[in-house]
Amino acid sequence: MTPQETVLTYNVIFEPAEEGGYIAFVPSIPGCMTQGETFEEAKENVKDAIKGCLAVMRDEGVEVPKSDKEQITAFVAVPAFG
């Protein structure tokens, strides 16, 4: 990375895939998703997917989404209705 290069940061959601591995998608970039056999592979693959999606957006003259704000997600358990 050169000193003048801008770094964009996006929130990525990783979900376990039914067939194994993980699916990764970027909510702020519609249609930007990938998968990997492991979490680490999905994490690396999503970087390439983001780069590809941003390149297509630039080529088509679509405004590139700015970096996302950092988010914290957590599972919260609540009693089921019954």
Protein backbone atom coordinates (compact mmCIF):
# COMPACT_ATOMS: atom_id res chain seq x y z
CA MET A 1 0.00 0.00 0.00
CA THR A 2 1.35 3.41 -0.94
CA PRO A 3 1.25 6.35 1.50
CA GLN A 4 -1.45 8.05 -0.63
CA GLU A 5 -3.71 5.01 -0.88
CA THR A 6 -7.08 5.29 0.84
CA VAL A 7 -8.27 2.36 2.92
CA LEU A 8 -12.00 1.68 3.02
CA THR A 9 -13.50 -0.43 5.79
CA TYR A 10 -16.76 -2.34 5.45
CA ASN A 11 -18.81 -4.43 7.84
CA VAL A 12 -19.05 -8.03 6.68
CA ILE A 13 -21.53 -10.63 7.90
CA PHE A 14 -20.33 -14.23 8.00
CA GLU A 15 -22.87 -17.03 8.25
CA PRO A 16 -22.22 -20.77 8.45
CA ALA A 17 -23.21 -22.43 5.18
CA GLU A 18 -25.47 -25.50 5.27
CA GLU A 19 -22.96 -27.50 3.24
CA GLY A 20 -20.07 -26.36 5.46
CA GLY A 21 -17.80 -23.36 5.40
CA TYR A 22 -19.01 -19.78 5.54
CA ILE A 23 -20.90 -17.31 3.38
CA ALA A 24 -19.79 -13.69 3.64
CA PHE A 25 -21.75 -10.66 2.48
CA VAL A 26 -21.33 -6.91 2.67
CA PRO A 27 -24.64 -5.16 3.48
CA SER A 28 -23.53 -1.72 2.26
CA ILE A 29 -22.50 -3.10 -1.17
CA PRO A 30 -25.57 -4.80 -2.68
CA GLY A 31 -24.78 -8.13 -4.29
CA CYS A 32 -21.29 -8.32 -2.81
CA MET A 33 -20.90 -11.80 -1.37
CA THR A 34 -18.61 -14.81 -1.43
CA GLN A 35 -17.88 -17.98 0.49
CA GLY A 36 -15.03 -20.05 1.86
CA GLU A 37 -14.40 -23.52 3.22
CA THR A 38 -13.12 -21.97 6.47
CA PHE A 39 -13.74 -18.66 8.22
CA GLU A 40 -10.22 -17.50 7.31
CA GLU A 41 -10.75 -18.40 3.65
CA ALA A 42 -14.09 -16.57 3.58
CA LYS A 43 -12.42 -13.55 5.17
CA GLU A 44 -9.73 -13.46 2.47
CA ASN A 45 -12.24 -14.12 -0.32
CA VAL A 46 -14.49 -11.26 0.78
CA LYS A 47 -11.59 -8.82 0.40
CA ASP A 48 -11.30 -9.86 -3.26
CA ALA A 49 -15.09 -9.68 -3.67
CA ILE A 50 -15.16 -6.13 -2.28
CA LYS A 51 -12.34 -5.03 -4.59
CA GLY A 52 -14.18 -6.52 -7.56
CA CYS A 53 -17.51 -4.95 -6.65
CA LEU A 54 -15.91 -1.54 -6.13
CA ALA A 55 -14.11 -1.78 -9.50
CA VAL A 56 -17.40 -2.55 -11.27
CA MET A 57 -19.11 0.33 -9.46
CA ARG A 58 -16.37 2.74 -10.53
CA ASP A 59 -16.50 1.49 -14.13
CA GLU A 60 -20.27 1.99 -14.21
CA GLY A 61 -20.06 5.44 -12.64
CA VAL A 62 -21.84 4.34 -9.47
CA GLU A 63 -20.84 6.12 -6.28
CA VAL A 64 -18.63 3.90 -4.11
CA PRO A 65 -20.00 3.52 -0.57
CA LYS A 66 -17.90 5.21 2.08
CA SER A 67 -16.41 3.20 4.90
CA ASP A 68 -18.89 1.78 7.38
CA LYS A 69 -18.86 2.78 11.02
CA GLU A 70 -17.68 0.03 13.31
CA GLN A 71 -20.55 -2.06 14.61
CA ILE A 72 -20.78 -4.55 17.41
CA THR A 73 -23.10 -7.48 17.00
CA ALA A 74 -24.12 -10.00 19.61
CA PHE A 75 -26.61 -12.79 20.09
CA VAL A 76 -29.28 -11.96 22.65
CA ALA A 77 -31.43 -14.73 24.11
CA VAL A 78 -35.09 -14.06 24.90
CA PRO A 79 -37.75 -16.50 26.12
CA ALA A 80 -39.92 -17.99 23.37
CA PHE A 81 -43.62 -17.29 23.37
CA GLY A 82 -45.58 -20.31 24.28
